[in-house]
Amino acid sequence: AQGGDVAVADLAEARQMAVAAAAGTSAASLFAEVDYLIGCHYDSSSSQLLLVAGTNAGAAAFFPIAEQQHRAGQLPPGSNLLLPPAVVLNGCHKDVVRSVDCFDGQTAQRLLCLSAGEDAQLGLWTLDQSVAAAAQPLRSRDSGDSAGPSRRHQQQASMRPSPY
């Protein structure tokens, strides 16, 4: 593979940026602390790159990455490259979400996301394309609104140390 020689964004403080971006939104209580980063997703309908971050309680969110108007490594103090979460996935997982993959559904108006967590759950999330667009207001997807699994396992105390 080639590439990777140009930094898209300097996100050394990405977890703190995600908490700040979620503050003041309906996701603030879920993302009072962001515990880890899951990956990135490019939404072709909005031409937006999104950072996917999660909590140890099983919530995951797509945070749009704002375009940098400065050179990498020169982020002004107090700046935040993350915008408020465009989509929140909450309700299926009770532990760390390790993977989220999104793809177009059978119709052009549907976006399907599949999530996998350390709680041995696979979640299938059905979103409207308009909801997934980064410019749209935050929409929380919980188990009552999704096509995800309705079966729940009892939460077990995690003895796993934090990787951070």
N, C-alpha and C. Protein backbone atom coordinates (compact mmCIF):
# COMPACT_ATOMS: atom_id res chain seq x y z
N ALA A 1 0.85 -1.19 0.00
CA ALA A 1 0.00 0.00 0.00
C ALA A 1 0.88 1.23 0.00
N GLN A 2 0.43 2.24 -0.69
CA GLN A 2 1.15 3.50 -0.74
C GLN A 2 0.32 4.57 -0.07
N GLY A 3 0.96 5.64 0.31
CA GLY A 3 0.24 6.76 0.93
C GLY A 3 0.61 6.89 2.38
N GLY A 4 -0.18 7.66 3.09
CA GLY A 4 0.08 7.87 4.50
C GLY A 4 1.18 8.87 4.76
N ASP A 5 1.63 9.55 3.71
CA ASP A 5 2.72 10.50 3.88
C ASP A 5 2.23 11.92 4.15
N VAL A 6 0.92 12.12 4.16
CA VAL A 6 0.35 13.44 4.44
C VAL A 6 -0.65 13.29 5.58
N ALA A 7 -0.47 14.07 6.63
CA ALA A 7 -1.40 14.03 7.77
C ALA A 7 -2.68 14.76 7.39
N VAL A 8 -3.82 14.12 7.63
CA VAL A 8 -5.12 14.74 7.35
C VAL A 8 -5.49 15.67 8.50
N ALA A 9 -5.22 15.25 9.72
CA ALA A 9 -5.55 16.04 10.89
C ALA A 9 -4.61 15.65 12.03
N ASP A 10 -4.31 16.60 12.89
CA ASP A 10 -3.50 16.34 14.07
C ASP A 10 -4.46 16.17 15.24
N LEU A 11 -4.69 14.93 15.64
CA LEU A 11 -5.68 14.63 16.68
C LEU A 11 -5.03 14.03 17.91
N ALA A 12 -3.93 14.63 18.36
CA ALA A 12 -3.23 14.11 19.53
C ALA A 12 -4.13 14.10 20.76
N GLU A 13 -5.05 15.02 20.84
CA GLU A 13 -5.97 15.11 21.97
C GLU A 13 -7.39 14.76 21.54
N ALA A 14 -7.54 13.77 20.68
CA ALA A 14 -8.83 13.46 20.08
C ALA A 14 -9.91 13.09 21.09
N ARG A 15 -9.55 12.33 22.12
CA ARG A 15 -10.57 11.94 23.11
C ARG A 15 -11.12 13.16 23.83
N GLN A 16 -10.25 14.11 24.20
CA GLN A 16 -10.70 15.33 24.87
C GLN A 16 -11.50 16.20 23.90
N MET A 17 -11.09 16.23 22.63
CA MET A 17 -11.83 17.00 21.63
C MET A 17 -13.23 16.43 21.44
N ALA A 18 -13.37 15.11 21.47
CA ALA A 18 -14.69 14.48 21.31
C ALA A 18 -15.60 14.82 22.49
N VAL A 19 -15.05 14.82 23.70
CA VAL A 19 -15.85 15.20 24.88
C VAL A 19 -16.34 16.65 24.73
N ALA A 20 -15.44 17.54 24.32
CA ALA A 20 -15.81 18.95 24.14
C ALA A 20 -16.84 19.11 23.03
N ALA A 21 -16.71 18.34 21.95
CA ALA A 21 -17.65 18.43 20.84
C ALA A 21 -19.04 17.94 21.24
N ALA A 22 -19.10 16.95 22.12
CA ALA A 22 -20.39 16.40 22.56
C ALA A 22 -21.06 17.28 23.62
N ALA A 23 -20.27 18.08 24.32
CA ALA A 23 -20.83 18.95 25.37
C ALA A 23 -21.87 19.88 24.76
N GLY A 24 -22.97 20.05 25.45
CA GLY A 24 -24.02 20.93 24.97
C GLY A 24 -24.96 20.28 23.95
N THR A 25 -24.77 18.99 23.67
CA THR A 25 -25.67 18.26 22.78
C THR A 25 -26.43 17.22 23.60
N SER A 26 -27.36 16.57 22.96
CA SER A 26 -28.10 15.52 23.68
C SER A 26 -27.22 14.31 23.98
N ALA A 27 -26.02 14.25 23.41
CA ALA A 27 -25.10 13.14 23.67
C ALA A 27 -24.14 13.45 24.81
N ALA A 28 -24.24 14.62 25.43
CA ALA A 28 -23.29 15.04 26.46
C ALA A 28 -23.22 14.04 27.62
N SER A 29 -24.35 13.52 28.06
CA SER A 29 -24.33 12.59 29.19
C SER A 29 -23.69 11.26 28.82
N LEU A 30 -23.85 10.82 27.58
CA LEU A 30 -23.22 9.58 27.14
C LEU A 30 -21.72 9.73 26.95
N PHE A 31 -21.30 10.93 26.54
CA PHE A 31 -19.90 11.16 26.21
C PHE A 31 -19.24 12.18 27.14
N ALA A 32 -19.55 12.06 28.44
CA ALA A 32 -18.86 12.88 29.43
C ALA A 32 -17.38 12.49 29.47
N GLU A 33 -17.11 11.26 29.06
CA GLU A 33 -15.74 10.78 28.90
C GLU A 33 -15.71 9.88 27.67
N VAL A 34 -14.76 10.13 26.79
CA VAL A 34 -14.54 9.26 25.63
C VAL A 34 -13.34 8.40 25.98
N ASP A 35 -13.54 7.10 25.98
CA ASP A 35 -12.52 6.18 26.45
C ASP A 35 -11.55 5.70 25.37
N TYR A 36 -11.98 5.68 24.12
CA TYR A 36 -11.11 5.15 23.07
C TYR A 36 -11.62 5.59 21.70
N LEU A 37 -10.75 5.46 20.72
CA LEU A 37 -11.09 5.75 19.33
C LEU A 37 -11.26 4.42 18.60
N ILE A 38 -12.30 4.34 17.78
CA ILE A 38 -12.59 3.11 17.06
C ILE A 38 -11.99 3.15 15.66
N GLY A 39 -12.13 4.27 14.98
CA GLY A 39 -11.61 4.37 13.62
C GLY A 39 -12.20 5.58 12.92
N CYS A 40 -12.17 5.55 11.60
CA CYS A 40 -12.70 6.64 10.79
C CYS A 40 -13.70 6.08 9.79
N HIS A 41 -14.60 6.95 9.34
CA HIS A 41 -15.59 6.61 8.32
C HIS A 41 -15.71 7.79 7.39
N TYR A 42 -15.68 7.54 6.09
CA TYR A 42 -15.89 8.61 5.11
C TYR A 42 -17.31 8.50 4.59
N ASP A 43 -18.10 9.57 4.78
CA ASP A 43 -19.48 9.62 4.31
C ASP A 43 -19.47 10.28 2.94
N SER A 44 -19.64 9.50 1.89
CA SER A 44 -19.57 10.03 0.53
C SER A 44 -20.73 10.95 0.20
N SER A 45 -21.89 10.76 0.85
CA SER A 45 -23.03 11.63 0.55
C SER A 45 -22.80 13.06 1.01
N SER A 46 -22.00 13.25 2.06
CA SER A 46 -21.72 14.61 2.55
C SER A 46 -20.26 15.01 2.32
N SER A 47 -19.46 14.11 1.73
CA SER A 47 -18.02 14.33 1.54
C SER A 47 -17.34 14.71 2.84
N GLN A 48 -17.70 13.99 3.90
CA GLN A 48 -17.22 14.30 5.24
C GLN A 48 -16.48 13.11 5.84
N LEU A 49 -15.32 13.39 6.42
CA LEU A 49 -14.57 12.38 7.16
C LEU A 49 -15.02 12.46 8.62
N LEU A 50 -15.34 11.32 9.21
CA LEU A 50 -15.81 11.27 10.58
C LEU A 50 -14.91 10.37 11.42
N LEU A 51 -14.64 10.78 12.64
CA LEU A 51 -13.90 9.99 13.61
C LEU A 51 -14.92 9.24 14.45
N VAL A 52 -14.76 7.93 14.61
CA VAL A 52 -15.66 7.12 15.41
C VAL A 52 -14.99 6.88 16.76
N ALA A 53 -15.67 7.29 17.83
CA ALA A 53 -15.13 7.16 19.18
C ALA A 53 -16.16 6.46 20.07
N GLY A 54 -15.68 5.87 21.17
CA GLY A 54 -16.60 5.13 22.01
C GLY A 54 -16.33 5.28 23.49
N THR A 55 -17.26 4.71 24.26
CA THR A 55 -17.16 4.70 25.72
C THR A 55 -17.10 3.26 26.21
N ASN A 56 -16.58 3.07 27.40
CA ASN A 56 -16.52 1.72 27.98
C ASN A 56 -17.90 1.16 28.25
N ALA A 57 -18.93 2.00 28.26
CA ALA A 57 -20.30 1.55 28.50
C ALA A 57 -20.98 1.08 27.23
N GLY A 58 -20.30 1.16 26.07
CA GLY A 58 -20.86 0.61 24.84
C GLY A 58 -21.44 1.60 23.86
N ALA A 59 -21.37 2.89 24.11
CA ALA A 59 -21.87 3.88 23.15
C ALA A 59 -20.76 4.22 22.16
N ALA A 60 -21.14 4.52 20.94
CA ALA A 60 -20.20 4.95 19.90
C ALA A 60 -20.81 6.13 19.17
N ALA A 61 -19.96 7.04 18.70
CA ALA A 61 -20.45 8.22 17.99
C ALA A 61 -19.53 8.55 16.83
N PHE A 62 -20.13 9.15 15.81
CA PHE A 62 -19.42 9.61 14.62
C PHE A 62 -19.24 11.12 14.76
N PHE A 63 -17.99 11.56 14.93
CA PHE A 63 -17.68 12.98 15.08
C PHE A 63 -17.09 13.50 13.77
N PRO A 64 -17.77 14.44 13.08
CA PRO A 64 -17.20 15.01 11.86
C PRO A 64 -15.88 15.73 12.16
N ILE A 65 -14.91 15.55 11.29
CA ILE A 65 -13.62 16.22 11.44
C ILE A 65 -13.65 17.50 10.62
N ALA A 66 -13.45 18.63 11.28
CA ALA A 66 -13.45 19.92 10.59
C ALA A 66 -12.19 20.04 9.75
N GLU A 67 -12.30 20.72 8.63
CA GLU A 67 -11.13 20.92 7.79
C GLU A 67 -10.14 21.83 8.49
N GLN A 68 -8.87 21.44 8.42
CA GLN A 68 -7.82 22.26 9.03
C GLN A 68 -7.44 23.38 8.07
N GLN A 69 -7.35 24.58 8.60
CA GLN A 69 -6.94 25.73 7.80
C GLN A 69 -5.52 26.15 8.16
N HIS A 70 -4.76 25.23 8.73
CA HIS A 70 -3.40 25.51 9.17
C HIS A 70 -2.58 24.25 8.95
N ARG A 71 -1.30 24.35 9.12
CA ARG A 71 -0.42 23.21 8.91
C ARG A 71 -0.48 22.26 10.10
N ALA A 72 -0.29 20.99 9.82
CA ALA A 72 -0.30 19.96 10.87
C ALA A 72 0.69 20.32 11.96
N GLY A 73 0.30 20.11 13.21
CA GLY A 73 1.16 20.41 14.34
C GLY A 73 1.06 21.84 14.82
N GLN A 74 0.24 22.66 14.14
CA GLN A 74 0.12 24.07 14.52
C GLN A 74 -1.32 24.41 14.88
N LEU A 75 -1.98 23.55 15.61
CA LEU A 75 -3.35 23.79 16.04
C LEU A 75 -3.36 24.87 17.10
N PRO A 76 -4.10 25.96 16.87
CA PRO A 76 -4.15 27.03 17.87
C PRO A 76 -4.66 26.50 19.21
N PRO A 77 -4.14 27.01 20.33
CA PRO A 77 -4.59 26.54 21.65
C PRO A 77 -6.11 26.68 21.81
N GLY A 78 -6.73 25.66 22.36
CA GLY A 78 -8.17 25.68 22.59
C GLY A 78 -9.00 25.33 21.36
N SER A 79 -8.36 25.05 20.23
CA SER A 79 -9.09 24.70 19.01
C SER A 79 -9.58 23.26 19.09
N ASN A 80 -10.68 23.01 18.39
CA ASN A 80 -11.22 21.66 18.35
C ASN A 80 -11.50 21.30 16.90
N LEU A 81 -10.88 20.24 16.42
CA LEU A 81 -11.08 19.80 15.05
C LEU A 81 -12.31 18.92 14.90
N LEU A 82 -12.95 18.56 16.01
CA LEU A 82 -14.13 17.70 15.94
C LEU A 82 -15.39 18.53 16.14
N LEU A 83 -16.39 18.23 15.32
CA LEU A 83 -17.69 18.88 15.42
C LEU A 83 -18.61 17.99 16.27
N PRO A 84 -19.76 18.52 16.71
CA PRO A 84 -20.68 17.68 17.50
C PRO A 84 -21.04 16.40 16.75
N PRO A 85 -21.29 15.33 17.49
CA PRO A 85 -21.53 14.03 16.84
C PRO A 85 -22.72 14.08 15.88
N ALA A 86 -22.52 13.50 14.69
CA ALA A 86 -23.57 13.44 13.68
C ALA A 86 -24.52 12.29 13.96
N VAL A 87 -23.98 11.18 14.47
CA VAL A 87 -24.77 9.98 14.77
C VAL A 87 -24.21 9.35 16.03
N VAL A 88 -25.11 8.90 16.90
CA VAL A 88 -24.73 8.17 18.11
C VAL A 88 -25.38 6.80 18.04
N LEU A 89 -24.59 5.76 18.25
CA LEU A 89 -25.09 4.39 18.34
C LEU A 89 -25.07 4.00 19.81
N ASN A 90 -26.24 3.76 20.36
CA ASN A 90 -26.33 3.46 21.78
C ASN A 90 -27.48 2.50 22.04
N GLY A 91 -27.24 1.50 22.89
CA GLY A 91 -28.30 0.61 23.30
C GLY A 91 -28.03 -0.86 23.09
N CYS A 92 -27.25 -1.21 22.12
CA CYS A 92 -26.97 -2.62 21.84
C CYS A 92 -25.83 -3.14 22.70
N HIS A 93 -24.75 -2.38 22.77
CA HIS A 93 -23.56 -2.85 23.46
C HIS A 93 -23.51 -2.37 24.91
N LYS A 94 -22.94 -3.22 25.74
CA LYS A 94 -22.76 -2.91 27.17
C LYS A 94 -21.29 -2.84 27.54
N ASP A 95 -20.41 -2.99 26.55
CA ASP A 95 -18.97 -2.98 26.78
C ASP A 95 -18.32 -2.32 25.57
N VAL A 96 -17.03 -2.33 25.51
CA VAL A 96 -16.25 -1.67 24.47
C VAL A 96 -16.68 -2.13 23.07
N VAL A 97 -16.91 -1.18 22.19
CA VAL A 97 -17.19 -1.45 20.77
C VAL A 97 -15.84 -1.40 20.05
N ARG A 98 -15.46 -2.48 19.41
CA ARG A 98 -14.16 -2.54 18.76
C ARG A 98 -14.20 -2.23 17.27
N SER A 99 -15.37 -2.38 16.64
CA SER A 99 -15.43 -2.18 15.20
C SER A 99 -16.80 -1.65 14.80
N VAL A 100 -16.79 -0.69 13.88
CA VAL A 100 -18.02 -0.18 13.27
C VAL A 100 -17.75 -0.08 11.78
N ASP A 101 -18.60 -0.70 10.98
CA ASP A 101 -18.46 -0.64 9.54
C ASP A 101 -19.81 -0.24 8.95
N CYS A 102 -19.80 0.73 8.04
CA CYS A 102 -21.03 1.22 7.44
C CYS A 102 -21.00 0.99 5.94
N PHE A 103 -22.18 0.73 5.38
CA PHE A 103 -22.29 0.52 3.94
C PHE A 103 -23.71 0.85 3.52
N ASP A 104 -23.89 1.12 2.23
CA ASP A 104 -25.21 1.45 1.70
C ASP A 104 -26.12 0.25 1.78
N GLY A 105 -27.39 0.52 2.11
CA GLY A 105 -28.38 -0.54 2.17
C GLY A 105 -28.93 -0.85 0.78
N GLN A 106 -30.04 -1.58 0.73
CA GLN A 106 -30.61 -1.97 -0.55
C GLN A 106 -31.18 -0.79 -1.32
N THR A 107 -31.59 0.25 -0.62
CA THR A 107 -32.07 1.44 -1.31
C THR A 107 -31.09 2.56 -1.04
N ALA A 108 -31.09 3.54 -1.90
CA ALA A 108 -30.14 4.65 -1.78
C ALA A 108 -30.38 5.49 -0.53
N GLN A 109 -31.54 5.35 0.09
CA GLN A 109 -31.88 6.18 1.25
C GLN A 109 -31.49 5.54 2.58
N ARG A 110 -30.90 4.37 2.57
CA ARG A 110 -30.57 3.67 3.81
C ARG A 110 -29.06 3.49 3.94
N LEU A 111 -28.58 3.65 5.15
CA LEU A 111 -27.19 3.36 5.48
C LEU A 111 -27.22 2.32 6.58
N LEU A 112 -26.49 1.25 6.40
CA LEU A 112 -26.43 0.19 7.41
C LEU A 112 -25.08 0.25 8.09
N CYS A 113 -25.07 0.13 9.40
CA CYS A 113 -23.83 0.06 10.16
C CYS A 113 -23.86 -1.23 10.97
N LEU A 114 -22.74 -1.89 10.99
CA LEU A 114 -22.58 -3.11 11.77
C LEU A 114 -21.53 -2.83 12.83
N SER A 115 -21.86 -3.11 14.08
CA SER A 115 -20.90 -2.88 15.17
C SER A 115 -20.63 -4.20 15.88
N ALA A 116 -19.40 -4.34 16.36
CA ALA A 116 -19.00 -5.53 17.10
C ALA A 116 -18.31 -5.09 18.37
N GLY A 117 -18.67 -5.73 19.48
CA GLY A 117 -18.10 -5.32 20.76
C GLY A 117 -17.54 -6.47 21.55
N GLU A 118 -16.83 -6.11 22.61
CA GLU A 118 -16.26 -7.10 23.51
C GLU A 118 -17.31 -7.80 24.36
N ASP A 119 -18.56 -7.36 24.26
CA ASP A 119 -19.66 -8.00 24.96
C ASP A 119 -20.25 -9.15 24.14
N ALA A 120 -19.58 -9.53 23.05
CA ALA A 120 -19.99 -10.62 22.16
C ALA A 120 -21.27 -10.32 21.41
N GLN A 121 -21.59 -9.05 21.25
CA GLN A 121 -22.78 -8.63 20.51
C GLN A 121 -22.38 -8.09 19.14
N LEU A 122 -23.21 -8.37 18.15
CA LEU A 122 -23.12 -7.73 16.85
C LEU A 122 -24.38 -6.87 16.73
N GLY A 123 -24.21 -5.60 16.42
CA GLY A 123 -25.35 -4.71 16.28
C GLY A 123 -25.52 -4.29 14.84
N LEU A 124 -26.75 -4.35 14.34
CA LEU A 124 -27.06 -3.86 13.01
C LEU A 124 -27.90 -2.62 13.17
N TRP A 125 -27.39 -1.51 12.66
CA TRP A 125 -28.03 -0.21 12.80
C TRP A 125 -28.49 0.26 11.43
N THR A 126 -29.75 0.64 11.32
CA THR A 126 -30.30 1.13 10.06
C THR A 126 -30.53 2.62 10.20
N LEU A 127 -29.84 3.40 9.36
CA LEU A 127 -29.94 4.85 9.43
C LEU A 127 -30.39 5.39 8.09
N ASP A 128 -31.13 6.47 8.10
CA ASP A 128 -31.43 7.19 6.87
C ASP A 128 -30.17 7.90 6.43
N GLN A 129 -29.94 8.02 5.13
CA GLN A 129 -28.76 8.74 4.63
C GLN A 129 -28.75 10.16 5.16
N SER A 130 -29.91 10.80 5.27
CA SER A 130 -29.95 12.18 5.74
C SER A 130 -29.51 12.29 7.20
N VAL A 131 -29.74 11.24 7.99
CA VAL A 131 -29.29 11.24 9.38
C VAL A 131 -27.77 11.10 9.44
N ALA A 132 -27.22 10.31 8.54
CA ALA A 132 -25.78 10.05 8.56
C ALA A 132 -24.97 11.24 8.04
N ALA A 133 -25.60 12.13 7.31
CA ALA A 133 -24.87 13.29 6.79
C ALA A 133 -24.42 14.16 7.95
N ALA A 134 -23.17 14.55 7.93
CA ALA A 134 -22.58 15.29 9.06
C ALA A 134 -23.26 16.62 9.31
N ALA A 135 -23.90 17.20 8.33
CA ALA A 135 -24.53 18.50 8.50
C ALA A 135 -25.86 18.42 9.22
N GLN A 136 -26.39 17.22 9.38
CA GLN A 136 -27.70 17.06 10.02
C GLN A 136 -27.57 17.07 11.53
N PRO A 137 -28.66 17.37 12.25
CA PRO A 137 -28.62 17.35 13.71
C PRO A 137 -28.35 15.94 14.24
N LEU A 138 -27.87 15.90 15.47
CA LEU A 138 -27.58 14.64 16.15
C LEU A 138 -28.83 13.80 16.27
N ARG A 139 -28.68 12.52 15.99
CA ARG A 139 -29.75 11.56 16.20
C ARG A 139 -29.17 10.40 16.98
N SER A 140 -29.75 10.07 18.09
CA SER A 140 -29.29 8.93 18.88
C SER A 140 -30.02 7.69 18.41
N ARG A 141 -29.28 6.62 18.18
CA ARG A 141 -29.88 5.36 17.76
C ARG A 141 -29.76 4.40 18.94
N ASP A 142 -30.85 4.14 19.60
CA ASP A 142 -30.80 3.17 20.69
C ASP A 142 -31.50 1.89 20.25
N SER A 143 -31.51 0.91 21.11
CA SER A 143 -32.02 -0.39 20.71
C SER A 143 -33.49 -0.36 20.33
N GLY A 144 -34.26 0.58 20.83
CA GLY A 144 -35.66 0.67 20.48
C GLY A 144 -35.88 1.18 19.08
N ASP A 145 -34.93 1.90 18.51
CA ASP A 145 -35.09 2.49 17.19
C ASP A 145 -34.36 1.74 16.10
N SER A 146 -33.52 0.80 16.44
CA SER A 146 -32.68 0.18 15.43
C SER A 146 -33.17 -1.22 15.10
N ALA A 147 -32.58 -1.74 14.06
CA ALA A 147 -32.84 -3.12 13.70
C ALA A 147 -31.85 -4.05 14.41
N GLY A 148 -31.15 -3.52 15.38
CA GLY A 148 -30.15 -4.29 16.11
C GLY A 148 -30.78 -5.35 17.00
N PRO A 149 -29.97 -6.18 17.59
CA PRO A 149 -30.47 -7.29 18.40
C PRO A 149 -31.21 -6.81 19.64
N SER A 150 -32.25 -7.52 19.99
CA SER A 150 -33.00 -7.16 21.18
C SER A 150 -32.58 -7.98 22.39
N ARG A 151 -31.85 -9.05 22.15
CA ARG A 151 -31.40 -9.92 23.24
C ARG A 151 -30.31 -9.23 24.03
N ARG A 152 -30.36 -9.30 25.32
CA ARG A 152 -29.38 -8.65 26.19
C ARG A 152 -28.71 -9.68 27.08
N HIS A 153 -27.43 -9.49 27.31
CA HIS A 153 -26.69 -10.29 28.26
C HIS A 153 -26.44 -9.45 29.50
N GLN A 154 -26.33 -10.10 30.64
CA GLN A 154 -26.04 -9.38 31.86
C GLN A 154 -24.64 -8.78 31.78
N GLN A 155 -24.51 -7.55 32.21
CA GLN A 155 -23.21 -6.87 32.24
C GLN A 155 -22.33 -7.56 33.28
N GLN A 156 -21.13 -7.91 32.88
CA GLN A 156 -20.19 -8.49 33.82
C GLN A 156 -19.14 -7.45 34.12
N ALA A 157 -18.69 -7.44 35.36
CA ALA A 157 -17.65 -6.48 35.75
C ALA A 157 -16.41 -6.75 34.92
N SER A 158 -15.87 -5.71 34.34
CA SER A 158 -14.69 -5.84 33.49
C SER A 158 -13.43 -5.77 34.36
N MET A 159 -12.60 -6.76 34.22
CA MET A 159 -11.34 -6.78 34.95
C MET A 159 -10.19 -6.31 34.05
N ARG A 160 -10.53 -5.92 32.82
CA ARG A 160 -9.53 -5.51 31.85
C ARG A 160 -9.01 -4.11 32.20
N PRO A 161 -7.70 -3.94 32.27
CA PRO A 161 -7.15 -2.61 32.54
C PRO A 161 -7.33 -1.71 31.32
N SER A 162 -7.35 -0.42 31.54
CA SER A 162 -7.47 0.54 30.46
C SER A 162 -6.22 0.50 29.59
N PRO A 163 -6.37 0.54 28.25
CA PRO A 163 -5.20 0.55 27.39
C PRO A 163 -4.52 1.91 27.34
N TYR A 164 -5.06 2.93 28.02
CA TYR A 164 -4.51 4.29 27.96
C TYR A 164 -3.90 4.70 29.28
